[in-house]
C-alpha atoms as a PDB file:
ATOM      1  CA  MET A   1     154.724 120.492  30.627  1.00  0.00           C
ATOM      2  CA  LYS A   2     152.669 120.846  33.587  1.00  0.00           C
ATOM      3  CA  THR A   3     154.437 120.910  37.500  1.00  0.00           C
ATOM      4  CA  ASN A   4     152.705 119.139  39.606  1.00  0.00           C
ATOM      5  CA  PRO A   5     151.646 122.099  42.400  1.00  0.00           C
ATOM      6  CA  ALA A   6     152.769 119.549  45.192  1.00  0.00           C
ATOM      7  CA  PHE A   7     156.434 118.895  44.102  1.00  0.00           C
ATOM      8  CA  ALA A   8     156.465 123.092  43.442  1.00  0.00           C
ATOM      9  CA  ARG A   9     158.618 123.298  46.660  1.00  0.00           C
ATOM     10  CA  CYS A  10     161.213 120.894  45.675  1.00  0.00           C
ATOM     11  CA  VAL A  11     162.472 121.634  42.347  1.00  0.00           C
ATOM     12  CA  THR A  12     165.169 124.227  42.028  1.00  0.00           C
ATOM     13  CA  VAL A  13     165.912 125.421  38.596  1.00  0.00           C
ATOM     14  CA  LYS A  14     169.284 128.063  38.018  1.00  0.00           C
ATOM     15  CA  SER A  15     169.346 130.602  35.553  1.00  0.00           C
ATOM     16  CA  ASP A  16     172.585 129.472  34.028  1.00  0.00           C
ATOM     17  CA  SER A  17     172.202 125.659  33.967  1.00  0.00           C
ATOM     18  CA  GLN A  18     169.705 122.979  33.022  1.00  0.00           C
ATOM     19  CA  PRO A  19     167.105 121.659  35.437  1.00  0.00           C
ATOM     20  CA  GLN A  20     169.032 119.697  37.462  1.00  0.00           C
ATOM     21  CA  PRO A  21     166.793 116.086  38.429  1.00  0.00           C
ATOM     22  CA  LEU A  22     165.453 115.974  42.200  1.00  0.00           C
ATOM     23  CA  VAL A  23     163.634 113.380  41.736  1.00  0.00           C
ATOM     24  CA  GLY A  24     164.520 111.253  45.258  1.00  0.00           C
ATOM     25  CA  LYS A  25     164.039 114.857  47.268  1.00  0.00           C
ATOM     26  CA  MET A  26     160.403 115.380  45.606  1.00  0.00           C
ATOM     27  CA  ARG A  27     160.009 111.217  46.426  1.00  0.00           C
ATOM     28  CA  ARG A  28     161.041 112.053  50.116  1.00  0.00           C
ATOM     29  CA  CYS A  29     158.571 116.075  49.907  1.00  0.00           C
ATOM     30  CA  SER A  30     155.989 114.042  48.865  1.00  0.00           C
ATOM     31  CA  VAL A  31     156.015 111.079  51.882  1.00  0.00           C
ATOM     32  CA  LYS A  32     156.932 114.011  54.314  1.00  0.00           C
ATOM     33  CA  ARG A  33     153.743 115.757  53.499  1.00  0.00           C
ATOM     34  CA  SER A  34     151.740 112.937  52.827  1.00  0.00           C
ATOM     35  CA  ALA A  35     152.753 111.722  56.460  1.00  0.00           C
ATOM     36  CA  ARG A  36     152.009 115.409  57.701  1.00  0.00           C
ATOM     37  CA  THR A  37     148.167 115.276  56.210  1.00  0.00           C
ATOM     38  CA  VAL A  38     147.862 111.398  57.550  1.00  0.00           C
ATOM     39  CA  THR A  39     148.902 112.368  60.790  1.00  0.00           C
ATOM     40  CA  PHE A  40     146.689 115.724  61.060  1.00  0.00           C
ATOM     41  CA  ASP A  41     144.068 113.646  59.992  1.00  0.00           C
ATOM     42  CA  SER A  42     144.132 110.539  62.182  1.00  0.00           C
ATOM     43  CA  SER A  43     144.539 113.061  65.301  1.00  0.00           C
ATOM     44  CA  LEU A  44     141.686 115.285  64.266  1.00  0.00           C
ATOM     45  CA  ALA A  45     138.998 111.611  64.025  1.00  0.00           C
ATOM     46  CA  ALA A  46     140.275 110.728  67.190  1.00  0.00           C
ATOM     47  CA  THR A  47     139.614 113.579  69.041  1.00  0.00           C
ATOM     48  CA  MET A  48     136.137 114.092  67.046  1.00  0.00           C
ATOM     49  CA  LYS A  49     135.265 110.151  68.391  1.00  0.00           C
ATOM     50  CA  ALA A  50     136.561 110.465  71.704  1.00  0.00           C
ATOM     51  CA  GLU A  51     134.718 113.822  71.708  1.00  0.00           C
ATOM     52  CA  SER A  52     131.451 112.276  70.393  1.00  0.00           C
ATOM     53  CA  TYR A  53     131.356 109.391  73.088  1.00  0.00           C
ATOM     54  CA  ARG A  54     132.062 111.735  75.808  1.00  0.00           C
ATOM     55  CA  LEU A  55     128.694 113.507  74.823  1.00  0.00           C
ATOM     56  CA  ALA A  56     127.051 109.832  74.793  1.00  0.00           C
ATOM     57  CA  TYR A  57     128.298 109.432  78.158  1.00  0.00           C
ATOM     58  CA  ALA A  58     126.958 112.155  79.783  1.00  0.00           C
ATOM     59  CA  GLU A  59     123.893 111.813  78.003  1.00  0.00           C
ATOM     60  CA  GLU A  60     123.348 108.640  78.949  1.00  0.00           C
ATOM     61  CA  SER A  61     124.826 109.462  82.501  1.00  0.00           C
ATOM     62  CA  GLY A  62     122.173 112.397  82.989  1.00  0.00           C
ATOM     63  CA  ALA A  63     119.304 110.098  81.373  1.00  0.00           C
ATOM     64  CA  MET A  64     120.092 107.450  84.095  1.00  0.00           C
ATOM     65  CA  LYS A  65     120.405 109.974  87.355  1.00  0.00           C
ATOM     66  CA  THR A  66     117.101 110.760  86.333  1.00  0.00           C
ATOM     67  CA  LEU A  67     115.272 107.726  85.592  1.00  0.00           C
ATOM     68  CA  PHE A  68     116.895 106.867  89.225  1.00  0.00           C
ATOM     69  CA  LYS A  69     115.349 109.935  90.885  1.00  0.00           C
ATOM     70  CA  LEU A  70     112.060 108.980  89.115  1.00  0.00           C
ATOM     71  CA  ALA A  71     112.249 105.486  90.778  1.00  0.00           C
ATOM     72  CA  VAL A  72     112.628 106.495  93.815  1.00  0.00           C
ATOM     73  CA  ILE A  73     109.945 108.882  94.056  1.00  0.00           C
ATOM     74  CA  SER A  74     107.382 106.743  92.348  1.00  0.00           C
ATOM     75  CA  GLY A  75     109.186 103.882  94.824  1.00  0.00           C
ATOM     76  CA  LEU A  76     108.474 106.165  98.126  1.00  0.00           C
ATOM     77  CA  MET A  77     104.821 106.816  96.996  1.00  0.00           C
ATOM     78  CA  CYS A  78     104.163 103.534  96.061  1.00  0.00           C
ATOM     79  CA  LEU A  79     104.897 102.594  99.610  1.00  0.00           C
ATOM     80  CA  SER A  80     102.761 105.647 101.096  1.00  0.00           C
ATOM     81  CA  LEU A  81     100.326 103.494  99.537  1.00  0.00           C
ATOM     82  CA  VAL A  82     101.117 100.629 100.884  1.00  0.00           C
ATOM     83  CA  VAL A  83     102.010 101.384 104.576  1.00  0.00           C
ATOM     84  CA  PRO A  84      98.727 101.025 106.889  1.00  0.00           C
ATOM     85  CA  ALA A  85      97.568 103.944 109.293  1.00  0.00           C
ATOM     86  CA  ALA A  86      97.972 103.041 112.821  1.00  0.00           C
ATOM     87  CA  ALA A  87      95.792 103.830 116.424  1.00  0.00           C
ATOM     88  CA  GLN A  88      97.527 106.465 118.515  1.00  0.00           C
ATOM     89  CA  ILE A  89      97.536 106.162 121.671  1.00  0.00           C
ATOM     90  CA  VAL A  90      98.428 109.799 123.319  1.00  0.00           C
ATOM     91  CA  ASN A  91      98.326 109.354 126.710  1.00  0.00           C
ATOM     92  CA  GLY A  92      97.381 105.230 127.471  1.00  0.00           C
ATOM     93  CA  VAL A  93      94.616 103.476 127.895  1.00  0.00           C
ATOM     94  CA  ASP A  94      93.814 101.900 131.147  1.00  0.00           C
ATOM     95  CA  PHE A  95      92.285  98.587 131.543  1.00  0.00           C
ATOM     96  CA  THR A  96      91.370  95.666 134.517  1.00  0.00           C
ATOM     97  CA  THR A  97      90.884  92.327 133.677  1.00  0.00           C
ATOM     98  CA  SER A  98      89.576  89.505 136.668  1.00  0.00           C
ATOM     99  CA  PHE A  99      91.626  86.615 135.201  1.00  0.00           C
ATOM    100  CA  PRO A 100      94.928  86.263 134.371  1.00  0.00           C
ATOM    101  CA  PHE A 101      96.014  86.084 130.902  1.00  0.00           C
ATOM    102  CA  TYR A 102      98.875  85.637 128.236  1.00  0.00           C
ATOM    103  CA  ALA A 103     100.525  88.934 126.709  1.00  0.00           C
ATOM    104  CA  GLY A 104     103.386  87.799 124.315  1.00  0.00           C
ATOM    105  CA  ASN A 105     105.179  85.171 125.832  1.00  0.00           C
ATOM    106  CA  ALA A 106     104.444  87.058 129.232  1.00  0.00           C
ATOM    107  CA  LYS A 107     102.303  85.756 132.475  1.00  0.00           C
ATOM    108  CA  MET A 108      99.938  88.516 133.445  1.00  0.00           C
ATOM    109  CA  PRO A 109      97.475  88.024 136.493  1.00  0.00           C
ATOM    110  CA  ALA A 110      94.677  89.747 136.996  1.00  0.00           C
ATOM    111  CA  GLY A 111      94.738  93.849 138.033  1.00  0.00           C
ATOM    112  CA  ALA A 112      94.906  96.727 136.632  1.00  0.00           C
ATOM    113  CA  TYR A 113      97.112  97.624 133.882  1.00  0.00           C
ATOM    114  CA  THR A 114      98.188 100.534 131.542  1.00  0.00           C
ATOM    115  CA  VAL A 115      98.964  99.934 127.790  1.00  0.00           C
ATOM    116  CA  THR A 116     101.053 102.940 126.018  1.00  0.00           C
ATOM    117  CA  GLN A 117     103.762 103.310 122.934  1.00  0.00           C
ATOM    118  CA  PRO A 118     106.582 104.061 125.105  1.00  0.00           C
ATOM    119  CA  GLN A 119     108.005 104.664 121.641  1.00  0.00           C
ATOM    120  CA  GLY A 120     106.419 108.418 120.392  1.00  0.00           C
ATOM    121  CA  ASP A 121     105.798 107.574 116.997  1.00  0.00           C
ATOM    122  CA  ASP A 122     107.005 104.046 116.521  1.00  0.00           C
ATOM    123  CA  THR A 123     103.499 102.762 116.924  1.00  0.00           C
ATOM    124  CA  THR A 124     104.839  98.973 116.672  1.00  0.00           C
ATOM    125  CA  MET A 125     105.874  98.232 119.872  1.00  0.00           C
ATOM    126  CA  LEU A 126     103.280  98.692 122.912  1.00  0.00           C
ATOM    127  CA  LEU A 127     104.492  98.673 126.768  1.00  0.00           C
ATOM    128  CA  ILE A 128     101.673  96.555 128.836  1.00  0.00           C
ATOM    129  CA  GLU A 129     102.633  97.509 132.865  1.00  0.00           C
ATOM    130  CA  SER A 130     100.767  96.987 136.013  1.00  0.00           C
ATOM    131  CA  LYS A 131      99.947  99.983 138.058  1.00  0.00           C
ATOM    132  CA  SER A 132     101.403  97.780 141.037  1.00  0.00           C
ATOM    133  CA  GLY A 133     104.665  97.727 139.548  1.00  0.00           C
ATOM    134  CA  SER A 134     105.362  94.384 139.335  1.00  0.00           C
ATOM    135  CA  HIS A 135     104.929  93.182 135.880  1.00  0.00           C
ATOM    136  CA  SER A 136     104.777  94.856 132.271  1.00  0.00           C
ATOM    137  CA  VAL A 137     106.391  93.591 128.898  1.00  0.00           C
ATOM    138  CA  PHE A 138     107.073  95.031 125.340  1.00  0.00           C
ATOM    139  CA  LEU A 139     105.060  93.765 122.367  1.00  0.00           C
ATOM    140  CA  GLU A 140     105.107  94.252 118.894  1.00  0.00           C
ATOM    141  CA  ASN A 141     101.420  94.597 117.260  1.00  0.00           C
ATOM    142  CA  GLU A 142      99.838  95.379 113.943  1.00  0.00           C
ATOM    143  CA  PRO A 143      97.017  97.191 112.805  1.00  0.00           C
ATOM    144  CA  THR A 144      93.713  96.551 112.193  1.00  0.00           C
ATOM    145  CA  GLN A 145      91.198  98.125 110.428  1.00  0.00           C
ATOM    146  CA  SER A 146      86.575  98.032 111.170  1.00  0.00           C
ATOM    147  CA  ALA A 147      85.151  99.668 108.678  1.00  0.00           C
ATOM    148  CA  ASN A 148      83.928 102.362 111.569  1.00  0.00           C
ATOM    149  CA  PRO A 149      85.025 104.094 113.963  1.00  0.00           C
ATOM    150  CA  HIS A 150      85.364 102.170 117.278  1.00  0.00           C
ATOM    151  CA  PRO A 151      82.304 102.835 119.007  1.00  0.00           C
ATOM    152  CA  GLN A 152      84.656 102.586 122.512  1.00  0.00           C
ATOM    153  CA  THR A 153      87.870 101.719 123.907  1.00  0.00           C
ATOM    154  CA  ASP A 154      88.146  97.960 125.097  1.00  0.00           C
ATOM    155  CA  VAL A 155      90.761  95.447 125.021  1.00  0.00           C
ATOM    156  CA  THR A 156      90.003  92.328 123.404  1.00  0.00           C
ATOM    157  CA  PHE A 157      90.702  88.609 124.644  1.00  0.00           C
ATOM    158  CA  LYS A 158      90.983  85.272 122.911  1.00  0.00           C
ATOM    159  CA  LYS A 159      90.562  82.333 125.461  1.00  0.00           C
ATOM    160  CA  TYR A 160      91.393  78.903 124.659  1.00  0.00           C
ATOM    161  CA  GLY A 161      90.129  76.728 127.373  1.00  0.00           C
ATOM    162  CA  THR A 162      90.708  78.512 130.590  1.00  0.00           C
ATOM    163  CA  THR A 163      93.836  80.569 129.404  1.00  0.00           C
ATOM    164  CA  GLU A 164      93.209  83.837 128.025  1.00  0.00           C
ATOM    165  CA  TYR A 165      95.632  85.810 125.486  1.00  0.00           C
ATOM    166  CA  LEU A 166      95.446  89.769 124.886  1.00  0.00           C
ATOM    167  CA  SER A 167      94.679  90.058 121.701  1.00  0.00           C
ATOM    168  CA  GLN A 168      93.565  93.312 120.182  1.00  0.00           C
ATOM    169  CA  ILE A 169      93.334  97.097 121.992  1.00  0.00           C
ATOM    170  CA  TRP A 170      90.575  99.706 120.125  1.00  0.00           C
ATOM    171  CA  VAL A 171      90.723 103.401 120.963  1.00  0.00           C
ATOM    172  CA  ALA A 172      87.355 104.492 120.601  1.00  0.00           C
ATOM    173  CA  GLY A 173      86.404 107.164 117.178  1.00  0.00           C
ATOM    174  CA  GLN A 174      89.514 105.297 115.564  1.00  0.00           C
ATOM    175  CA  ASN A 175      89.008 102.882 112.702  1.00  0.00           C
ATOM    176  CA  TYR A 176      92.748 101.129 113.364  1.00  0.00           C
ATOM    177  CA  GLY A 177      93.174  98.730 116.087  1.00  0.00           C
ATOM    178  CA  MET A 178      96.614  97.378 117.595  1.00  0.00           C
ATOM    179  CA  GLN A 179      96.760  93.203 116.784  1.00  0.00           C
ATOM    180  CA  ILE A 180      99.076  91.274 118.977  1.00  0.00           C
ATOM    181  CA  PRO A 181     100.833  88.837 116.848  1.00  0.00           C
ATOM    182  CA  PRO A 182      99.654  85.190 118.134  1.00  0.00           C
ATOM    183  CA  THR A 183     103.285  83.359 119.626  1.00  0.00           C
ATOM    184  CA  LYS A 184     103.519  79.872 119.185  1.00  0.00           C
ATOM    185  CA  LEU A 185     102.046  79.248 122.601  1.00  0.00           C
ATOM    186  CA  GLU A 186      98.527  80.257 121.113  1.00  0.00           C
ATOM    187  CA  GLN A 187      99.100  78.468 118.160  1.00  0.00           C
ATOM    188  CA  LYS A 188      98.959  75.494 119.790  1.00  0.00           C
ATOM    189  CA  ALA A 189      96.509  76.406 121.898  1.00  0.00           C
ATOM    190  CA  ALA A 190      94.791  76.799 119.145  1.00  0.00           C
ATOM    191  CA  ALA A 191      95.167  73.522 117.230  1.00  0.00           C
ATOM    192  CA  HIS A 192      93.616  71.742 120.677  1.00  0.00           C
ATOM    193  CA  ALA A 193      90.735  74.208 121.109  1.00  0.00           C
ATOM    194  CA  ALA A 194      88.514  77.065 119.783  1.00  0.00           C
ATOM    195  CA  ALA A 195      88.853  80.391 120.418  1.00  0.00           C
ATOM    196  CA  THR A 196      85.900  82.243 121.881  1.00  0.00           C
ATOM    197  CA  GLN A 197      86.898  86.048 122.132  1.00  0.00           C
ATOM    198  CA  HIS A 198      85.657  88.545 123.987  1.00  0.00           C
ATOM    199  CA  SER A 199      86.379  92.290 125.625  1.00  0.00           C
ATOM    200  CA  VAL A 200      87.258  94.418 128.435  1.00  0.00           C
ATOM    201  CA  THR A 201      85.850  97.983 128.264  1.00  0.00           C
ATOM    202  CA  ALA A 202      89.122 100.215 128.573  1.00  0.00           C
ATOM    203  CA  SER A 203      89.624 103.777 129.032  1.00  0.00           C
ATOM    204  CA  ALA A 204      91.785 106.443 127.533  1.00  0.00           C
ATOM    205  CA  ARG A 205      93.652 109.221 129.072  1.00  0.00           C
END
């Protein structure tokens, strides 16, 4: 009769007696050994599963970070292509009018004026200031473009009836000028009369 190796350690045979049936002990030994085996296998499987999840998560996280960096770089490149160049006023532009005009919502009397970009690199803000110091106004502007470099420095006005509105500022040699967005007051005037456009010669410092 062959003995099952799994139960060999659970059977004790004495030399001076017949083998004793230890079926109960054999069953307990088998259960214990089986339990140990199942426990070991389950722990190993859980560890391997957790490690596979960790590696998958790390790989996914790395891929997401790479995609995010690429998206940011692409966005910055697109933004640089969309944002137009802007006119630069280095030391200011001087002009003189013989008529009063509106600069934004501010009514300015006839006289001599200076245009500057007071915030340095921020070309979206202009300061229109009378040389007498009696009138000044800050204006936002938008870039406008011409096909060729502007031949001279000048200031453009739009006239509705007898009322003048500051419209554009150009610097000689630049393809980009500064457009003053129309206010609600100018839009209302434009609804009742056609605009005539004319320019006043100016000088860049």
